Amino acid sequence: MTLPQSYKNKYERLLGDEATAFFASFTHSTQKAYRVNPLKNQTQLYTTPDNGQVPYGKWGHFGSVSGRSVDHTNGVVYSQEPSAQFVGEVVQPQPGEKVLDLSAAPGGKSTHLAAFMQQDGLLWTNEIFLNRAKILNENIERMGIYNSIVSSQKPEELSAKLPQFFDKILIDAPCSGEGMFRKDPDAISYWSESYPAECAQRQRDILAEAVKMLKPGGELVYSTCTFAPEEDEQMIAWLLSEYPDFSVVPIEKVNGIADGRPEWADSQYVSGISDHSQTTHMTELKGTARLWPHLLEGEGHFVAKLKLSTDTVTSDANVTTIQSSSLTAQQRDLLTAFIKDTLIDFELAEDRLILFGDHVYLAPTGAPSIKGMRILRVGLELGSFKTKRFEPAHALALALAPHQFQQYYEMNDAQWRQFVHGDVLNVEGDFKKGWVLMTMNGNGAGFGKYVNGQIKNFYPKGLRFAIK
C-alpha cells in the first residue's frame, strides 16, 4: 500500500514516536466481524464461524459471513467491521425512545440501534442518496425490524419537518475515509491534503441541521471513519463553540480504545504552524474516543457523544402524528381474513395502517406525519392487495416468530436450497390449504402456500439464488 507523502508527513508530525506502529498497521490484514441479531426468534448460529467475541458489545463476534448462508439471508447476522460496532454501543438507545440515524446506509449502525430498542419506540433511518437508501431498506427488512421508518431526504428537509423531535441522533458523517484505507485501498485515490477540510464543511452543514431535531436533554453521537483532526476533534470544538448548550459526555474506553486529542482541536497545531496547543479549554475533548488500528483489532474510527442542555429553548413548531389510511371495505375484509386464518394473537391497530399503492404497512407507535417526504418503509409491511386476495409481504415472514403463525414448516438443508432457488416443495404433514411460514433453524425464511401436498414458493424473485 502506497500512502501519499503529505499524508505520511502529517501523521508523523502528529503521532511522533507512535507513527511507526501506526503506519505498520496498514500492512496487517483486516479483521472480519459480525453482530448477532437479538430480534430473531433463534439466535444460535447455523454455519457462521465464531472466532471470538468483539471486546465491546454483547452481540459482536469475529468471523466472516457468507452472503448466501442461512444466518445471513434470515437476518440472524449482520456483517460489520469491529470498530464500527463501537458506535452503536455509544448511542445505546433505550426501548420507547425516538431515535434518528441521519446518514444510515447501508444499515450496519441502524440495525445495531434497533437491537437495543427491541422493536419499542421509533427508529428513523435516513439516507440522502436513493440508490443507497434502497440497500438500507433491504437490510432493515432482512433483520426483521418493524419499528423503523426509512427515508431518503436531505438533512434540511428533515429538520424542517421534525424540529426537536428525537431523543437521540446518530450522525455517522460522510468523511475522508482515512480509517478505511487498509480495508479499501481504492479510497486512497480520493485523498488529497485539502480533502479533510472539504469534508469538514459538509459535516458542519449536516450537524447544523441535526441539532434542530434534537429534544432538550437529548443526546447526539457523532462518528467518522477517519483519523483527520479537521473532521474529528476540530468538528466537536466547532460544535461546542457554535452551540454552547451542548456538552461532551465522556465515553468509557476499553480494550485499546484511546482518548480524543484536545490539542488536535487547534488547526494551527495540526498544520504545523504552531508548536503548542491554543485550546487548553478544550480538555473535555479527551472524553471523545479514537479507535486506532495499531491499538486494537479493527479499522480507524472517531466517536463523540454530546448532550443538549434541558434548559434549551423549546421550539414552537408542532410535529403532527401520522394519519392512517382509509381502507376500502373489501381491503379491510381481505386483511382481517388473512390475519384470522394465518396469524395467532396478532393485534391489528387500524389507526396505524398506511397504504402505499396496494401495499399496506403497520406504522410504528408515535410515528410523525410523513406527508411530503420520500419514504421507503414505514414500520412493518404486512402485504399487498391483489384482485380479491391478500398476499403477505416477505417482511412479515422475517419479522415475526414461527409461533405467531397458524402453520409453519421447518426445512432441512436440501429443502432450504430448493426454497431460496424458488422451487416448489413436496412435503408431508397435516397442513390445511393456505399460507405457511417456511422456517430454517427456527427463524422465518419466507412464505409458501400449501395446496395438495405441495408448497408453492413465494420467496421473492429478486432474492433467489442457487447453491451448488
Protein backbone atom coordinates (compact mmCIF):
# COMPACT_ATOMS: atom_id res chain seq x y z
CA MET A 1 0.00 0.00 0.00
CA THR A 2 1.43 3.36 -1.08
CA LEU A 3 0.33 6.30 1.06
CA PRO A 4 0.65 9.90 -0.16
CA GLN A 5 3.82 11.51 1.20
CA SER A 6 1.89 14.51 2.51
CA TYR A 7 -0.36 12.11 4.44
CA LYS A 8 2.65 10.37 5.96
CA ASN A 9 4.28 13.69 6.84
CA LYS A 10 1.13 14.87 8.61
CA TYR A 11 0.77 11.83 10.88
CA GLU A 12 4.50 11.51 11.54
CA ARG A 13 4.29 15.05 12.92
CA LEU A 14 1.10 14.44 14.90
CA LEU A 15 1.86 10.98 16.27
CA GLY A 16 5.59 11.28 16.87
CA ASP A 17 7.05 8.02 18.20
CA GLU A 18 3.67 6.32 17.73
CA ALA A 19 3.77 6.85 13.95
CA THR A 20 5.91 3.78 13.26
CA ALA A 21 3.35 1.40 14.78
CA PHE A 22 0.53 3.33 13.11
CA PHE A 23 1.96 3.00 9.61
CA ALA A 24 2.96 -0.62 10.22
CA SER A 25 -0.71 -1.44 10.93
CA PHE A 26 -1.55 -0.62 7.30
CA THR A 27 0.28 -3.78 6.25
CA HIS A 28 -1.74 -6.01 8.59
CA SER A 29 -4.79 -7.93 7.41
CA THR A 30 -8.23 -6.62 8.28
CA GLN A 31 -10.46 -8.38 10.78
CA LYS A 32 -13.83 -9.69 9.64
CA ALA A 33 -16.66 -9.45 12.16
CA TYR A 34 -20.43 -9.51 12.52
CA ARG A 35 -23.24 -8.94 15.01
CA VAL A 36 -25.85 -11.48 16.06
CA ASN A 37 -29.38 -10.08 15.79
CA PRO A 38 -31.26 -10.44 19.11
CA LEU A 39 -34.57 -9.58 17.44
CA LYS A 40 -34.72 -13.03 15.86
CA ASN A 41 -36.56 -15.94 17.41
CA GLN A 42 -33.50 -18.20 17.22
CA THR A 43 -30.06 -16.61 17.60
CA GLN A 44 -27.97 -19.77 17.68
CA LEU A 45 -25.70 -19.65 14.63
CA TYR A 46 -26.19 -22.27 11.94
CA THR A 47 -23.00 -22.24 9.86
CA THR A 48 -21.34 -18.88 10.58
CA PRO A 49 -17.93 -19.32 12.29
CA ASP A 50 -17.44 -17.75 15.72
CA ASN A 51 -13.81 -16.74 16.18
CA GLY A 52 -14.33 -14.96 19.47
CA GLN A 53 -16.27 -12.01 20.80
CA VAL A 54 -15.62 -8.41 19.87
CA PRO A 55 -14.50 -6.91 23.21
CA TYR A 56 -17.14 -4.20 23.33
CA GLY A 57 -20.78 -5.14 22.98
CA LYS A 58 -22.53 -8.43 23.69
CA TRP A 59 -23.60 -9.13 20.08
CA GLY A 60 -20.30 -8.73 18.21
CA HIS A 61 -18.16 -11.68 17.07
CA PHE A 62 -15.09 -12.10 14.88
CA GLY A 63 -15.62 -14.20 11.78
CA SER A 64 -16.59 -14.00 8.13
CA VAL A 65 -20.21 -14.06 6.96
CA SER A 66 -21.34 -15.70 3.74
CA GLY A 67 -23.99 -13.67 1.91
CA ARG A 68 -25.69 -16.90 0.85
CA SER A 69 -25.78 -18.55 4.25
CA VAL A 70 -28.88 -19.35 6.29
CA ASP A 71 -27.75 -16.95 9.01
CA HIS A 72 -27.35 -14.03 6.60
CA THR A 73 -30.45 -14.49 4.46
CA ASN A 74 -32.68 -14.95 7.53
CA GLY A 75 -31.24 -11.83 9.20
CA VAL A 76 -29.60 -13.59 12.13
CA VAL A 77 -26.25 -11.90 11.46
CA TYR A 78 -25.09 -8.58 10.05
CA SER A 79 -21.53 -8.33 8.74
CA GLN A 80 -19.93 -5.29 10.37
CA GLU A 81 -16.32 -4.24 10.85
CA PRO A 82 -15.40 -4.46 14.58
CA SER A 83 -14.54 -0.78 15.20
CA ALA A 84 -17.81 0.30 13.60
CA GLN A 85 -19.65 -1.78 16.20
CA PHE A 86 -18.44 0.55 18.95
CA VAL A 87 -20.58 3.41 17.62
CA GLY A 88 -23.91 1.71 18.35
CA GLU A 89 -22.66 0.80 21.82
CA VAL A 90 -22.05 4.50 22.50
CA VAL A 91 -25.52 5.53 21.27
CA GLN A 92 -27.21 2.63 23.08
CA PRO A 93 -30.83 3.81 22.67
CA GLN A 94 -33.48 2.57 25.05
CA PRO A 95 -36.84 0.96 24.21
CA GLY A 96 -39.52 3.60 23.72
CA GLU A 97 -37.18 6.36 22.54
CA LYS A 98 -37.34 8.27 19.26
CA VAL A 99 -34.00 7.81 17.50
CA LEU A 100 -32.62 9.18 14.23
CA ASP A 101 -29.78 7.70 12.19
CA LEU A 102 -29.25 10.57 9.78
CA SER A 103 -26.72 9.06 7.33
CA ALA A 104 -27.69 5.44 7.70
CA ALA A 105 -26.82 3.42 4.57
CA PRO A 106 -26.05 0.59 4.24
CA GLY A 107 -27.60 -0.04 7.66
CA GLY A 108 -24.96 -1.52 9.97
CA LYS A 109 -25.37 1.08 12.68
CA SER A 110 -29.17 1.38 12.24
CA THR A 111 -29.67 -2.35 12.71
CA HIS A 112 -27.43 -2.18 15.78
CA LEU A 113 -29.56 0.60 17.28
CA ALA A 114 -32.67 -1.49 16.58
CA ALA A 115 -31.21 -4.34 18.61
CA PHE A 116 -31.11 -2.10 21.69
CA MET A 117 -34.64 -0.77 21.10
CA GLN A 118 -36.26 -4.23 20.95
CA GLN A 119 -38.97 -3.08 18.47
CA ASP A 120 -40.22 -0.48 21.00
CA GLY A 121 -40.09 3.19 20.08
CA LEU A 122 -39.31 4.81 16.74
CA LEU A 123 -36.12 4.32 14.75
CA TRP A 124 -35.95 6.77 11.84
CA THR A 125 -33.23 5.82 9.36
CA ASN A 126 -32.34 8.20 6.56
CA GLU A 127 -30.05 8.17 3.53
CA ILE A 128 -29.88 11.10 1.15
CA PHE A 129 -28.96 9.02 -1.93
CA LEU A 130 -31.92 6.97 -3.11
CA ASN A 131 -29.94 4.04 -4.50
CA ARG A 132 -28.16 3.65 -1.14
CA ALA A 133 -31.45 4.16 0.72
CA LYS A 134 -32.82 1.13 -1.12
CA ILE A 135 -29.98 -1.01 0.24
CA LEU A 136 -30.66 0.39 3.72
CA ASN A 137 -34.32 -0.52 3.32
CA GLU A 138 -33.44 -4.09 2.31
CA ASN A 139 -31.24 -4.54 5.38
CA ILE A 140 -33.89 -3.16 7.73
CA GLU A 141 -36.30 -5.73 6.28
CA ARG A 142 -33.82 -8.62 6.40
CA MET A 143 -33.12 -8.02 10.08
CA GLY A 144 -36.84 -8.16 10.89
CA ILE A 145 -37.09 -4.59 12.22
CA TYR A 146 -40.63 -3.25 12.33
CA ASN A 147 -40.39 -0.04 14.38
CA SER A 148 -38.44 1.81 11.69
CA ILE A 149 -39.17 4.47 9.11
CA VAL A 150 -36.76 4.57 6.16
CA SER A 151 -36.49 7.85 4.25
CA SER A 152 -34.35 9.46 1.57
CA GLN A 153 -34.24 13.16 2.45
CA LYS A 154 -31.70 15.94 2.74
CA PRO A 155 -30.94 16.88 6.37
CA GLU A 156 -32.52 20.31 5.92
CA GLU A 157 -35.72 18.70 4.64
CA LEU A 158 -35.97 16.50 7.71
CA SER A 159 -35.18 19.30 10.16
CA ALA A 160 -37.98 21.41 8.69
CA LYS A 161 -40.46 18.59 9.36
CA LEU A 162 -39.16 17.22 12.67
CA PRO A 163 -37.97 20.06 14.95
CA GLN A 164 -36.85 18.96 18.43
CA PHE A 165 -38.40 15.54 17.87
CA PHE A 166 -35.71 12.96 18.66
CA ASP A 167 -34.30 11.73 21.96
CA LYS A 168 -31.09 10.56 20.31
CA ILE A 169 -29.45 11.30 16.97
CA LEU A 170 -26.56 9.46 15.34
CA ILE A 171 -24.52 11.17 12.65
CA ASP A 172 -22.11 8.72 11.07
CA ALA A 173 -20.76 11.50 8.95
CA PRO A 174 -19.59 11.17 5.35
CA CYS A 175 -15.86 11.70 5.68
CA SER A 176 -12.45 11.39 4.04
CA GLY A 177 -12.33 7.70 4.97
CA GLU A 178 -8.73 7.62 6.17
CA GLY A 179 -9.64 4.92 8.68
CA MET A 180 -10.71 2.60 5.85
CA PHE A 181 -7.50 2.81 3.76
CA ARG A 182 -6.44 -0.67 4.88
CA LYS A 183 -9.86 -2.19 4.21
CA ASP A 184 -10.42 -0.26 0.96
CA PRO A 185 -7.11 0.84 -0.62
CA ASP A 186 -9.02 2.47 -3.50
CA ALA A 187 -10.09 5.16 -1.03
CA ILE A 188 -6.52 6.45 -1.07
CA SER A 189 -7.02 7.71 -4.62
CA TYR A 190 -9.71 10.14 -3.40
CA TRP A 191 -7.50 11.65 -0.71
CA SER A 192 -5.69 14.96 -1.01
CA GLU A 193 -4.33 17.43 1.53
CA SER A 194 -7.45 19.58 1.14
CA TYR A 195 -9.96 16.69 1.22
CA PRO A 196 -10.46 16.58 5.04
CA ALA A 197 -11.26 20.31 5.08
CA GLU A 198 -13.77 19.83 2.24
CA CYS A 199 -15.46 17.01 4.15
CA ALA A 200 -15.47 19.11 7.32
CA GLN A 201 -17.59 21.79 5.66
CA ARG A 202 -20.21 19.20 4.68
CA GLN A 203 -20.12 17.82 8.21
CA ARG A 204 -20.78 21.25 9.72
CA ASP A 205 -23.77 21.66 7.41
CA ILE A 206 -25.16 18.28 8.49
CA LEU A 207 -24.60 18.99 12.19
CA ALA A 208 -26.30 22.38 11.90
CA GLU A 209 -29.47 20.64 10.70
CA ALA A 210 -29.22 17.73 13.12
CA VAL A 211 -29.17 19.93 16.23
CA LYS A 212 -32.52 21.38 15.18
CA MET A 213 -34.10 17.92 15.50
CA LEU A 214 -32.82 17.07 18.99
CA LYS A 215 -35.03 17.42 22.05
CA PRO A 216 -33.76 19.42 25.03
CA GLY A 217 -31.85 16.93 27.17
CA GLY A 218 -31.27 14.69 24.15
CA GLU A 219 -28.01 13.11 23.06
CA LEU A 220 -26.13 13.44 19.78
CA VAL A 221 -23.46 10.94 18.77
CA TYR A 222 -21.06 11.97 16.01
CA SER A 223 -18.76 9.43 14.37
CA THR A 224 -16.38 9.21 11.44
CA CYS A 225 -14.11 6.57 9.94
CA THR A 226 -11.21 9.00 9.53
CA PHE A 227 -8.15 9.97 11.56
CA ALA A 228 -8.28 13.59 10.32
CA PRO A 229 -8.43 16.09 13.22
CA GLU A 230 -10.21 18.53 10.88
CA GLU A 231 -13.18 16.15 10.84
CA ASP A 232 -12.90 14.87 14.41
CA GLU A 233 -11.71 16.99 17.36
CA GLN A 234 -11.96 20.21 15.38
CA MET A 235 -15.52 19.37 14.41
CA ILE A 236 -16.57 18.85 18.04
CA ALA A 237 -14.73 22.03 19.09
CA TRP A 238 -16.69 23.91 16.43
CA LEU A 239 -19.97 22.41 17.63
CA LEU A 240 -19.30 23.35 21.27
CA SER A 241 -18.37 26.88 20.23
CA GLU A 242 -21.34 27.33 17.90
CA TYR A 243 -23.88 25.66 20.21
CA PRO A 244 -22.89 26.32 23.84
CA ASP A 245 -25.90 24.34 25.14
CA PHE A 246 -24.03 21.15 24.24
CA SER A 247 -21.52 19.41 26.48
CA VAL A 248 -19.31 16.37 25.94
CA VAL A 249 -20.38 13.14 27.62
CA PRO A 250 -17.18 11.18 28.39
CA ILE A 251 -17.10 7.81 26.64
CA GLU A 252 -15.89 4.79 28.60
CA LYS A 253 -12.74 3.38 26.98
CA VAL A 254 -11.97 -0.34 26.95
CA ASN A 255 -9.59 -2.74 25.20
CA GLY A 256 -7.30 -0.31 23.42
CA ILE A 257 -9.81 2.46 22.66
CA ALA A 258 -7.99 5.76 23.19
CA ASP A 259 -8.93 9.26 24.33
CA GLY A 260 -9.54 12.04 21.86
CA ARG A 261 -6.69 14.53 21.47
CA PRO A 262 -7.64 18.02 22.71
CA GLU A 263 -4.53 19.60 21.17
CA TRP A 264 -5.71 18.50 17.73
CA ALA A 265 -8.65 20.89 18.00
CA ASP A 266 -6.09 23.62 17.26
CA SER A 267 -5.91 23.86 13.46
CA GLN A 268 -2.55 25.67 13.62
CA TYR A 269 -1.07 22.88 15.72
CA VAL A 270 -2.33 20.24 13.28
CA SER A 271 -0.97 22.13 10.27
CA GLY A 272 2.43 22.55 11.94
CA ILE A 273 2.26 26.34 12.20
CA SER A 274 2.15 26.29 15.99
CA ASP A 275 4.17 24.00 18.27
CA HIS A 276 1.81 24.22 21.22
CA SER A 277 -1.93 23.90 21.77
CA GLN A 278 -4.08 27.01 21.85
CA THR A 279 -7.06 25.02 23.10
CA THR A 280 -6.36 24.22 26.74
CA HIS A 281 -10.03 24.97 27.46
CA MET A 282 -10.92 22.01 25.24
CA THR A 283 -9.64 19.36 27.65
CA GLU A 284 -13.16 17.87 27.64
CA LEU A 285 -12.33 16.52 24.18
CA LYS A 286 -10.40 13.77 25.95
CA GLY A 287 -13.87 12.36 26.59
CA THR A 288 -14.25 11.55 22.87
CA ALA A 289 -12.92 8.23 21.59
CA ARG A 290 -10.40 7.23 18.95
CA LEU A 291 -10.06 3.69 17.62
CA TRP A 292 -6.61 3.14 16.13
CA PRO A 293 -5.72 0.05 14.04
CA HIS A 294 -2.36 -0.31 15.80
CA LEU A 295 -4.06 -0.45 19.22
CA LEU A 296 -6.95 -2.83 18.58
CA GLU A 297 -8.38 -5.33 16.10
CA GLY A 298 -10.35 -3.03 13.84
CA GLU A 299 -10.17 -0.08 11.49
CA GLY A 300 -9.95 3.63 12.30
CA HIS A 301 -12.90 5.41 13.94
CA PHE A 302 -13.68 8.54 15.94
CA VAL A 303 -16.72 8.82 18.22
CA ALA A 304 -18.05 11.73 20.27
CA LYS A 305 -21.12 11.84 22.49
CA LEU A 306 -22.78 15.16 23.34
CA LYS A 307 -25.75 16.14 25.45
CA LEU A 308 -28.06 19.08 24.85
CA SER A 309 -28.99 21.05 27.94
CA THR A 310 -32.51 20.64 29.28
CA ASP A 311 -32.61 24.45 29.53
CA THR A 312 -32.51 24.83 25.75
CA VAL A 313 -35.35 26.96 24.44
CA THR A 314 -38.10 24.72 23.08
CA SER A 315 -39.48 25.18 19.60
CA ASP A 316 -42.95 26.49 18.92
CA ALA A 317 -43.23 24.17 15.93
CA ASN A 318 -45.61 21.26 16.30
CA VAL A 319 -44.92 17.82 14.84
CA THR A 320 -48.19 16.18 13.88
CA THR A 321 -48.73 12.44 14.18
CA ILE A 322 -49.12 10.15 11.20
CA GLN A 323 -52.57 9.83 9.72
CA SER A 324 -53.83 6.32 8.97
CA SER A 325 -55.08 5.43 5.50
CA SER A 326 -58.69 4.58 4.78
CA LEU A 327 -59.01 1.01 3.58
CA THR A 328 -61.93 0.07 1.40
CA ALA A 329 -64.44 -2.39 2.81
CA GLN A 330 -63.01 -5.11 0.57
CA GLN A 331 -59.42 -4.38 1.63
CA ARG A 332 -60.42 -4.48 5.30
CA ASP A 333 -62.20 -7.80 4.83
CA LEU A 334 -59.25 -9.35 2.97
CA LEU A 335 -56.73 -8.20 5.59
CA THR A 336 -58.91 -9.30 8.50
CA ALA A 337 -59.47 -12.72 6.95
CA PHE A 338 -55.73 -13.17 6.33
CA ILE A 339 -54.87 -12.34 9.94
CA LYS A 340 -57.56 -14.68 11.28
CA ASP A 341 -56.53 -17.58 9.03
CA THR A 342 -52.74 -17.14 9.16
CA LEU A 343 -51.60 -15.44 12.38
CA ILE A 344 -52.04 -16.04 16.11
CA ASP A 345 -52.82 -13.25 18.58
CA PHE A 346 -51.75 -10.52 16.12
CA GLU A 347 -53.15 -7.15 17.17
CA LEU A 348 -54.11 -5.06 14.16
CA ALA A 349 -54.05 -1.38 15.12
CA GLU A 350 -56.19 0.12 12.36
CA ASP A 351 -55.22 3.66 13.36
CA ARG A 352 -51.66 2.85 12.26
CA LEU A 353 -52.39 1.27 8.88
CA ILE A 354 -50.70 3.08 6.00
CA LEU A 355 -51.25 2.40 2.30
CA PHE A 356 -48.58 2.85 -0.37
CA GLY A 357 -50.47 1.96 -3.51
CA ASP A 358 -51.64 -1.62 -2.94
CA HIS A 359 -49.11 -2.24 -0.15
CA VAL A 360 -50.22 -1.89 3.47
CA TYR A 361 -47.90 -1.12 6.40
CA LEU A 362 -48.34 -1.02 10.16
CA ALA A 363 -46.68 2.23 11.23
CA PRO A 364 -44.60 2.39 14.43
CA THR A 365 -46.31 3.76 17.54
CA GLY A 366 -45.75 7.51 17.82
CA ALA A 367 -44.75 7.94 14.19
CA PRO A 368 -44.95 11.54 12.92
CA SER A 369 -46.63 12.65 9.73
CA ILE A 370 -44.73 11.57 6.61
CA LYS A 371 -46.64 13.81 4.24
CA GLY A 372 -44.45 15.27 1.52
CA MET A 373 -41.47 13.01 2.31
CA ARG A 374 -39.68 10.39 0.24
CA ILE A 375 -40.43 7.29 2.31
CA LEU A 376 -39.31 3.75 1.50
CA ARG A 377 -40.72 1.98 4.57
CA VAL A 378 -42.98 2.94 7.44
CA GLY A 379 -42.90 0.20 10.06
CA LEU A 380 -43.90 -3.34 9.15
CA GLU A 381 -45.07 -4.19 5.65
CA LEU A 382 -47.98 -6.59 6.10
CA GLY A 383 -48.55 -7.35 2.43
CA SER A 384 -50.35 -6.23 -0.70
CA PHE A 385 -53.88 -6.35 -2.03
CA LYS A 386 -54.32 -8.34 -5.23
CA THR A 387 -57.56 -8.96 -7.12
CA LYS A 388 -59.88 -10.46 -4.48
CA ARG A 389 -56.98 -11.71 -2.34
CA PHE A 390 -54.26 -10.59 0.06
CA GLU A 391 -50.62 -11.64 -0.32
CA PRO A 392 -48.32 -11.35 2.72
CA ALA A 393 -45.04 -9.43 2.44
CA HIS A 394 -41.66 -11.11 2.79
CA ALA A 395 -41.00 -8.63 5.61
CA LEU A 396 -43.74 -10.24 7.70
CA ALA A 397 -42.04 -13.64 7.48
CA LEU A 398 -38.74 -12.14 8.67
CA ALA A 399 -40.21 -10.03 11.47
CA LEU A 400 -42.48 -12.47 13.34
CA ALA A 401 -41.62 -15.67 15.18
CA PRO A 402 -42.86 -19.09 13.98
CA HIS A 403 -45.18 -19.48 16.97
CA GLN A 404 -47.11 -16.42 15.77
CA PHE A 405 -48.30 -18.33 12.68
CA GLN A 406 -51.05 -20.91 12.35
CA GLN A 407 -48.82 -23.02 10.10
CA TYR A 408 -45.06 -23.23 9.70
CA TYR A 409 -42.73 -25.75 8.15
CA GLU A 410 -39.13 -26.31 9.28
CA MET A 411 -36.97 -27.09 6.26
CA ASN A 412 -33.88 -29.25 6.08
CA ASP A 413 -30.75 -28.17 4.20
CA ALA A 414 -31.85 -29.64 0.88
CA GLN A 415 -35.30 -28.06 1.10
CA TRP A 416 -33.82 -24.69 2.06
CA ARG A 417 -31.63 -24.77 -1.05
CA GLN A 418 -34.73 -25.52 -3.11
CA PHE A 419 -36.69 -22.77 -1.40
CA VAL A 420 -34.17 -19.93 -1.95
CA HIS A 421 -33.89 -21.08 -5.56
CA GLY A 422 -37.64 -20.62 -6.00
CA ASP A 423 -38.64 -24.27 -6.38
CA VAL A 424 -41.93 -25.89 -5.37
CA LEU A 425 -41.55 -28.17 -2.33
CA ASN A 426 -43.23 -31.54 -1.89
CA VAL A 427 -43.96 -32.00 1.79
CA GLU A 428 -45.67 -34.34 4.18
CA GLY A 429 -47.69 -33.10 7.11
CA ASP A 430 -51.09 -32.17 8.38
CA PHE A 431 -51.49 -28.81 6.68
CA LYS A 432 -54.60 -27.01 5.60
CA LYS A 433 -54.77 -25.13 2.33
CA GLY A 434 -53.28 -21.68 2.73
CA TRP A 435 -50.22 -19.73 3.80
CA VAL A 436 -47.31 -21.45 5.52
CA LEU A 437 -44.31 -19.76 7.12
CA MET A 438 -41.20 -21.51 5.84
CA THR A 439 -38.56 -21.68 8.56
CA MET A 440 -34.92 -22.64 8.77
CA ASN A 441 -33.01 -23.01 12.03
CA GLY A 442 -36.06 -21.75 13.91
CA ASN A 443 -36.48 -18.48 12.02
CA GLY A 444 -38.83 -17.35 9.27
CA ALA A 445 -37.27 -17.55 5.81
CA GLY A 446 -40.27 -16.61 3.65
CA PHE A 447 -43.76 -17.72 2.70
CA GLY A 448 -45.17 -20.68 0.88
CA LYS A 449 -48.75 -21.66 0.06
CA TYR A 450 -49.86 -25.23 0.71
CA VAL A 451 -52.04 -26.96 -1.87
CA ASN A 452 -52.47 -30.75 -2.23
CA GLY A 453 -49.19 -31.91 -0.74
CA GLN A 454 -47.10 -29.14 -2.29
CA ILE A 455 -45.91 -25.79 -1.04
CA LYS A 456 -45.90 -23.18 -3.78
CA ASN A 457 -42.88 -20.92 -3.40
CA PHE A 458 -43.30 -17.19 -2.61
CA TYR A 459 -39.66 -16.42 -1.91
CA PRO A 460 -39.14 -13.03 -3.66
CA LYS A 461 -37.82 -13.45 -7.19
CA GLY A 462 -35.28 -10.67 -6.73
CA LEU A 463 -33.70 -12.51 -3.79
CA ARG A 464 -33.47 -16.00 -5.27
CA PHE A 465 -30.13 -17.69 -5.78
CA ALA A 466 -28.65 -21.12 -6.47
CA ILE A 467 -26.35 -23.08 -4.17
CA LYS A 468 -24.31 -25.86 -5.76
